[in-house]
Every structure is written in structure tokens, then in C-alpha cells.
Amino acid sequence: MAHRSDSDLVLAALAGGDDASSARDEIIHRYHKKVYAFLHQLTGRKEDAEDLTQESLLLALRKLHTFKTGRDLLPWLFTIARRSAISQWRKNKPTNQLFDADHPTAESAKPHDAVALWTLAKSKLKRDEFTALWMHYQEDLPIKDVAKVLRKTATHTKVILYRARKHLGKELALTPDAWLPGQAPNLTSP
């Protein structure tokens, strides 16, 4: 089967019939890992990320009729996931936990490399700063899509990213053990 666009999948899922179920399954299959990784990064806990991923994707499927075809589905899904996480934070008043051992970034990172940087970022940055950094640098979303998820203008999102990089750079200078000796992180603007 040829790779279908997000818009084609949404239209097929909304049309009903035999193809609707397979279109919904394909949406979930295509974006489950990215939504989970995003939520795991936000919550820091595997169990919370799993629950929120399922909740977010089910909500997205129920709200597919609100999706504007012709756009990318991932930023829309991140928006739903972020709102679900915020709702959970408001209900549970979360604790600041470090990432658990099966953190998604840990799979490809060296011990004091990306995991240490993201851990430091999560503990020191404001929620919007951390979210913007994660979506732009880890998920490779363009600034305009990050802005949509954060419900900010593109210019405001650039300012948030600039401030986050600046703040994180200062924190890295204060905590040399958070980065590999002799290496400086690349915190240049996009």
C-alpha cells in the first residue's frame, strides 16, 4: 500500500466504511511513538506517558472532524497531548522526577550526553521553554508548528527558544558535570 498523506488518512477515517478503521489504525501506528516520546519527556514517567498517549490519541480520533485537512497532523496531535498533560498536572500537582531508566532519549545517547542535557533542561527551564526546545530540536518541528502547539506567534516562539537556549547555556556553565568534559553544547539559534 502506498504511503497516504495525513489529510488522506483523516478523510478516510471520517468517511466511514471499510477503510475508516484501517485509516484510524494507521494514524495511531504512524504517530504513537512520537506522541509517547513527547509526553514521556514532559512527564518524566513511563506510566504517565503511556496513559496520556492513549488518552490523547483516542481524543484526537474523536475530534478528527476538527482537523483542517492540508496541514500536518503531528503538530495537532502534540497540541492535544500537551493539553492532556497540562490537565493531568493541574489535577495531580506533579513532583519533579528525573527520567526513568527506559527514557526514549537514553536509547541513543551516551551517559552524559543528550540525557543529561534534557534532564537539566527539564529541571531548569519553564514548561513552555522546555516544550519549545523539545519540539523544535528533538522532534524537528518548524517554529511555525511549535508556535501553533504553544498557541503563540512565531516571533514569540523564537523569543522563547532564544531565552531557553540562553538560560540553558548559563546552567551548563554552572554545572560542568552535566556535559562531557571538553565539549560545549551547540545552543545556536535555528
C-alpha atoms as a PDB file:
ATOM      1  CA  MET A   1       0.000   0.000   0.000  1.00  0.00           C
ATOM      2  CA  ALA A   2       1.310   3.460  -0.887  1.00  0.00           C
ATOM      3  CA  HIS A   3       2.085   5.941   1.865  1.00  0.00           C
ATOM      4  CA  ARG A   4      -1.019   8.069   2.357  1.00  0.00           C
ATOM      5  CA  SER A   5      -0.853  11.705   3.400  1.00  0.00           C
ATOM      6  CA  ASP A   6      -2.210  12.851   6.737  1.00  0.00           C
ATOM      7  CA  SER A   7      -5.124  14.555   5.000  1.00  0.00           C
ATOM      8  CA  ASP A   8      -5.982  11.380   3.067  1.00  0.00           C
ATOM      9  CA  LEU A   9      -5.918   9.351   6.287  1.00  0.00           C
ATOM     10  CA  VAL A  10      -8.163  11.824   8.097  1.00  0.00           C
ATOM     11  CA  LEU A  11     -10.633  11.951   5.218  1.00  0.00           C
ATOM     12  CA  ALA A  12     -10.724   8.153   5.031  1.00  0.00           C
ATOM     13  CA  ALA A  13     -11.222   7.874   8.792  1.00  0.00           C
ATOM     14  CA  LEU A  14     -14.079  10.374   8.679  1.00  0.00           C
ATOM     15  CA  ALA A  15     -15.738   8.854   5.602  1.00  0.00           C
ATOM     16  CA  GLY A  16     -16.638   5.660   7.391  1.00  0.00           C
ATOM     17  CA  GLY A  17     -16.907   2.390   5.545  1.00  0.00           C
ATOM     18  CA  ASP A  18     -14.370  -0.392   5.317  1.00  0.00           C
ATOM     19  CA  ASP A  19     -11.328   1.888   5.090  1.00  0.00           C
ATOM     20  CA  ALA A  20     -12.166   4.053   8.157  1.00  0.00           C
ATOM     21  CA  SER A  21     -10.883   1.570  10.709  1.00  0.00           C
ATOM     22  CA  SER A  22      -7.618   0.928   8.860  1.00  0.00           C
ATOM     23  CA  ALA A  23      -7.099   4.692   8.418  1.00  0.00           C
ATOM     24  CA  ARG A  24      -7.522   5.259  12.174  1.00  0.00           C
ATOM     25  CA  ASP A  25      -5.140   2.376  12.885  1.00  0.00           C
ATOM     26  CA  GLU A  26      -2.583   3.853  10.504  1.00  0.00           C
ATOM     27  CA  ILE A  27      -2.798   7.256  12.207  1.00  0.00           C
ATOM     28  CA  ILE A  28      -2.139   5.619  15.565  1.00  0.00           C
ATOM     29  CA  HIS A  29       0.670   3.463  14.176  1.00  0.00           C
ATOM     30  CA  ARG A  30       2.300   6.431  12.433  1.00  0.00           C
ATOM     31  CA  TYR A  31       2.312   8.808  15.422  1.00  0.00           C
ATOM     32  CA  HIS A  32       2.157   6.722  18.593  1.00  0.00           C
ATOM     33  CA  LYS A  33       5.932   6.686  19.215  1.00  0.00           C
ATOM     34  CA  LYS A  34       6.349  10.422  18.654  1.00  0.00           C
ATOM     35  CA  VAL A  35       3.419  11.346  20.908  1.00  0.00           C
ATOM     36  CA  TYR A  36       4.675   8.928  23.567  1.00  0.00           C
ATOM     37  CA  ALA A  37       8.231  10.323  23.421  1.00  0.00           C
ATOM     38  CA  PHE A  38       6.889  13.875  23.659  1.00  0.00           C
ATOM     39  CA  LEU A  39       4.713  13.030  26.663  1.00  0.00           C
ATOM     40  CA  HIS A  40       7.455  10.977  28.317  1.00  0.00           C
ATOM     41  CA  GLN A  41       9.723  13.974  28.045  1.00  0.00           C
ATOM     42  CA  LEU A  42       7.057  16.218  29.577  1.00  0.00           C
ATOM     43  CA  THR A  43       6.010  13.902  32.402  1.00  0.00           C
ATOM     44  CA  GLY A  44       9.278  12.103  33.085  1.00  0.00           C
ATOM     45  CA  ARG A  45       7.371   8.912  33.926  1.00  0.00           C
ATOM     46  CA  LYS A  46       6.730   5.954  31.657  1.00  0.00           C
ATOM     47  CA  GLU A  47       3.338   5.133  33.184  1.00  0.00           C
ATOM     48  CA  ASP A  48       2.033   8.694  32.870  1.00  0.00           C
ATOM     49  CA  ALA A  49       3.291   8.948  29.303  1.00  0.00           C
ATOM     50  CA  GLU A  50       1.610   5.668  28.347  1.00  0.00           C
ATOM     51  CA  ASP A  51      -1.707   6.720  29.868  1.00  0.00           C
ATOM     52  CA  LEU A  52      -1.584  10.198  28.370  1.00  0.00           C
ATOM     53  CA  THR A  53      -0.577   8.854  24.956  1.00  0.00           C
ATOM     54  CA  GLN A  54      -3.567   6.556  24.862  1.00  0.00           C
ATOM     55  CA  GLU A  55      -5.878   9.296  26.156  1.00  0.00           C
ATOM     56  CA  SER A  56      -4.526  11.850  23.668  1.00  0.00           C
ATOM     57  CA  LEU A  57      -4.745   9.599  20.628  1.00  0.00           C
ATOM     58  CA  LEU A  58      -8.278   8.486  21.495  1.00  0.00           C
ATOM     59  CA  LEU A  59      -9.322  12.106  21.962  1.00  0.00           C
ATOM     60  CA  ALA A  60      -7.698  13.001  18.637  1.00  0.00           C
ATOM     61  CA  LEU A  61      -9.632  10.248  16.866  1.00  0.00           C
ATOM     62  CA  ARG A  62     -12.877  11.519  18.401  1.00  0.00           C
ATOM     63  CA  LYS A  63     -12.023  15.078  17.325  1.00  0.00           C
ATOM     64  CA  LEU A  64     -10.761  14.287  13.802  1.00  0.00           C
ATOM     65  CA  HIS A  65     -13.658  16.280  12.366  1.00  0.00           C
ATOM     66  CA  THR A  66     -11.981  19.448  13.751  1.00  0.00           C
ATOM     67  CA  PHE A  67      -8.670  18.777  11.966  1.00  0.00           C
ATOM     68  CA  LYS A  68      -8.083  21.074   8.995  1.00  0.00           C
ATOM     69  CA  THR A  69      -7.001  18.947   6.056  1.00  0.00           C
ATOM     70  CA  GLY A  70      -3.948  20.098   4.161  1.00  0.00           C
ATOM     71  CA  ARG A  71      -1.970  20.570   7.379  1.00  0.00           C
ATOM     72  CA  ASP A  72       0.436  18.269   9.168  1.00  0.00           C
ATOM     73  CA  LEU A  73      -1.192  16.024  11.734  1.00  0.00           C
ATOM     74  CA  LEU A  74       1.751  15.830  14.174  1.00  0.00           C
ATOM     75  CA  PRO A  75       1.575  19.437  15.486  1.00  0.00           C
ATOM     76  CA  TRP A  76      -2.180  18.989  16.003  1.00  0.00           C
ATOM     77  CA  LEU A  77      -1.545  15.758  17.928  1.00  0.00           C
ATOM     78  CA  PHE A  78       1.172  17.446  20.016  1.00  0.00           C
ATOM     79  CA  THR A  79      -1.304  20.195  20.889  1.00  0.00           C
ATOM     80  CA  ILE A  80      -3.812  17.640  22.148  1.00  0.00           C
ATOM     81  CA  ALA A  81      -1.081  15.747  24.014  1.00  0.00           C
ATOM     82  CA  ARG A  82       0.256  18.919  25.631  1.00  0.00           C
ATOM     83  CA  ARG A  83      -3.219  19.936  26.780  1.00  0.00           C
ATOM     84  CA  SER A  84      -3.792  16.456  28.209  1.00  0.00           C
ATOM     85  CA  ALA A  85      -0.513  16.687  30.128  1.00  0.00           C
ATOM     86  CA  ILE A  86      -1.378  20.139  31.464  1.00  0.00           C
ATOM     87  CA  SER A  87      -4.770  18.846  32.615  1.00  0.00           C
ATOM     88  CA  GLN A  88      -3.056  15.991  34.420  1.00  0.00           C
ATOM     89  CA  TRP A  89      -0.536  18.369  36.045  1.00  0.00           C
ATOM     90  CA  ARG A  90      -3.368  20.546  37.302  1.00  0.00           C
ATOM     91  CA  LYS A  91      -5.147  17.546  38.802  1.00  0.00           C
ATOM     92  CA  ASN A  92      -2.128  15.848  40.368  1.00  0.00           C
ATOM     93  CA  LYS A  93       0.318  18.658  41.228  1.00  0.00           C
ATOM     94  CA  PRO A  94       3.323  16.711  39.874  1.00  0.00           C
ATOM     95  CA  THR A  95       6.620  16.181  41.573  1.00  0.00           C
ATOM     96  CA  ASN A  96       9.837  16.967  39.761  1.00  0.00           C
ATOM     97  CA  GLN A  97      11.039  13.456  38.991  1.00  0.00           C
ATOM     98  CA  LEU A  98      14.068  12.520  36.992  1.00  0.00           C
ATOM     99  CA  PHE A  99      13.627  10.362  33.915  1.00  0.00           C
ATOM    100  CA  ASP A 100      13.263   6.650  34.484  1.00  0.00           C
ATOM    101  CA  ALA A 101      15.722   4.134  33.061  1.00  0.00           C
ATOM    102  CA  ASP A 102      13.843   3.493  29.819  1.00  0.00           C
ATOM    103  CA  HIS A 103      13.741   7.141  28.799  1.00  0.00           C
ATOM    104  CA  PRO A 104      13.392   7.309  24.967  1.00  0.00           C
ATOM    105  CA  THR A 105      16.412   9.564  24.534  1.00  0.00           C
ATOM    106  CA  ALA A 106      18.527   7.203  26.616  1.00  0.00           C
ATOM    107  CA  GLU A 107      18.491   4.598  23.874  1.00  0.00           C
ATOM    108  CA  SER A 108      20.678   6.620  21.536  1.00  0.00           C
ATOM    109  CA  ALA A 109      22.582   8.859  23.942  1.00  0.00           C
ATOM    110  CA  LYS A 110      25.905   8.469  25.695  1.00  0.00           C
ATOM    111  CA  PRO A 111      25.716   8.502  29.509  1.00  0.00           C
ATOM    112  CA  HIS A 112      26.404  12.219  29.977  1.00  0.00           C
ATOM    113  CA  ASP A 113      25.258  13.412  26.611  1.00  0.00           C
ATOM    114  CA  ALA A 114      21.690  14.080  25.494  1.00  0.00           C
ATOM    115  CA  VAL A 115      20.044  12.570  28.577  1.00  0.00           C
ATOM    116  CA  ALA A 116      21.968  14.906  30.869  1.00  0.00           C
ATOM    117  CA  LEU A 117      21.153  17.899  28.703  1.00  0.00           C
ATOM    118  CA  TRP A 118      17.416  17.117  28.544  1.00  0.00           C
ATOM    119  CA  THR A 119      17.336  16.326  32.272  1.00  0.00           C
ATOM    120  CA  LEU A 120      18.976  19.651  33.055  1.00  0.00           C
ATOM    121  CA  ALA A 121      16.660  21.458  30.638  1.00  0.00           C
ATOM    122  CA  LYS A 122      13.578  19.914  32.201  1.00  0.00           C
ATOM    123  CA  SER A 123      14.641  20.836  35.714  1.00  0.00           C
ATOM    124  CA  LYS A 124      15.786  24.406  34.997  1.00  0.00           C
ATOM    125  CA  LEU A 125      13.546  25.760  32.227  1.00  0.00           C
ATOM    126  CA  LYS A 126       9.974  26.973  32.295  1.00  0.00           C
ATOM    127  CA  ARG A 127       7.457  24.495  30.902  1.00  0.00           C
ATOM    128  CA  ASP A 128       6.938  26.415  27.618  1.00  0.00           C
ATOM    129  CA  GLU A 129      10.696  26.831  27.159  1.00  0.00           C
ATOM    130  CA  PHE A 130      11.322  23.136  27.643  1.00  0.00           C
ATOM    131  CA  THR A 131       8.401  22.167  25.405  1.00  0.00           C
ATOM    132  CA  ALA A 132       9.557  24.516  22.637  1.00  0.00           C
ATOM    133  CA  LEU A 133      13.130  23.181  22.792  1.00  0.00           C
ATOM    134  CA  TRP A 134      11.963  19.571  22.730  1.00  0.00           C
ATOM    135  CA  MET A 135       9.591  20.005  19.816  1.00  0.00           C
ATOM    136  CA  HIS A 136      11.992  22.094  17.738  1.00  0.00           C
ATOM    137  CA  TYR A 137      15.274  20.275  18.380  1.00  0.00           C
ATOM    138  CA  GLN A 138      14.230  16.738  19.264  1.00  0.00           C
ATOM    139  CA  GLU A 139      11.142  16.384  17.057  1.00  0.00           C
ATOM    140  CA  ASP A 140      12.442  18.695  14.277  1.00  0.00           C
ATOM    141  CA  LEU A 141       9.215  20.672  14.099  1.00  0.00           C
ATOM    142  CA  PRO A 142       9.483  24.017  12.351  1.00  0.00           C
ATOM    143  CA  ILE A 143       8.989  27.104  14.502  1.00  0.00           C
ATOM    144  CA  LYS A 144       5.574  27.810  12.968  1.00  0.00           C
ATOM    145  CA  ASP A 145       4.334  24.378  14.130  1.00  0.00           C
ATOM    146  CA  VAL A 146       5.858  24.796  17.594  1.00  0.00           C
ATOM    147  CA  ALA A 147       4.091  28.156  17.777  1.00  0.00           C
ATOM    148  CA  LYS A 148       0.755  26.518  16.963  1.00  0.00           C
ATOM    149  CA  VAL A 149       1.213  23.923  19.692  1.00  0.00           C
ATOM    150  CA  LEU A 150       2.182  26.570  22.250  1.00  0.00           C
ATOM    151  CA  ARG A 151      -0.567  28.899  20.995  1.00  0.00           C
ATOM    152  CA  LYS A 152       1.970  31.692  20.473  1.00  0.00           C
ATOM    153  CA  THR A 153       3.094  33.689  17.481  1.00  0.00           C
ATOM    154  CA  ALA A 154       6.149  32.526  15.560  1.00  0.00           C
ATOM    155  CA  THR A 155       8.047  35.578  16.806  1.00  0.00           C
ATOM    156  CA  HIS A 156       7.119  34.864  20.418  1.00  0.00           C
ATOM    157  CA  THR A 157       8.177  31.226  19.943  1.00  0.00           C
ATOM    158  CA  LYS A 158      11.571  32.369  18.617  1.00  0.00           C
ATOM    159  CA  VAL A 159      11.956  34.528  21.734  1.00  0.00           C
ATOM    160  CA  ILE A 160      11.029  31.565  23.947  1.00  0.00           C
ATOM    161  CA  LEU A 161      13.621  29.390  22.173  1.00  0.00           C
ATOM    162  CA  TYR A 162      16.271  32.116  22.446  1.00  0.00           C
ATOM    163  CA  ARG A 163      15.629  32.582  26.163  1.00  0.00           C
ATOM    164  CA  ALA A 164      15.597  28.836  26.747  1.00  0.00           C
ATOM    165  CA  ARG A 165      18.942  28.375  24.966  1.00  0.00           C
ATOM    166  CA  LYS A 166      20.434  31.330  26.846  1.00  0.00           C
ATOM    167  CA  HIS A 167      19.169  30.087  30.220  1.00  0.00           C
ATOM    168  CA  LEU A 168      20.299  26.528  29.487  1.00  0.00           C
ATOM    169  CA  GLY A 169      23.724  27.795  28.399  1.00  0.00           C
ATOM    170  CA  LYS A 170      24.129  29.591  31.727  1.00  0.00           C
ATOM    171  CA  GLU A 171      23.067  26.481  33.623  1.00  0.00           C
ATOM    172  CA  LEU A 172      25.575  24.362  31.692  1.00  0.00           C
ATOM    173  CA  ALA A 173      28.333  26.798  32.613  1.00  0.00           C
ATOM    174  CA  LEU A 174      27.333  26.412  36.286  1.00  0.00           C
ATOM    175  CA  THR A 175      27.142  22.611  36.139  1.00  0.00           C
ATOM    176  CA  PRO A 176      30.165  21.349  34.201  1.00  0.00           C
ATOM    177  CA  ASP A 177      29.460  17.738  35.169  1.00  0.00           C
ATOM    178  CA  ALA A 178      26.234  17.843  33.146  1.00  0.00           C
ATOM    179  CA  TRP A 179      28.163  17.750  29.886  1.00  0.00           C
ATOM    180  CA  LEU A 180      31.083  15.775  28.565  1.00  0.00           C
ATOM    181  CA  PRO A 181      34.410  17.329  29.529  1.00  0.00           C
ATOM    182  CA  GLY A 182      35.937  19.431  26.802  1.00  0.00           C
ATOM    183  CA  GLN A 183      32.708  19.656  24.828  1.00  0.00           C
ATOM    184  CA  ALA A 184      30.387  22.587  24.595  1.00  0.00           C
ATOM    185  CA  PRO A 185      26.759  22.069  23.601  1.00  0.00           C
ATOM    186  CA  ASN A 186      25.573  23.672  20.403  1.00  0.00           C
ATOM    187  CA  LEU A 187      22.969  26.179  21.537  1.00  0.00           C
ATOM    188  CA  THR A 188      22.995  28.350  18.459  1.00  0.00           C
ATOM    189  CA  SER A 189      19.803  29.779  17.067  1.00  0.00           C
ATOM    190  CA  PRO A 190      17.874  27.745  14.463  1.00  0.00           C
END
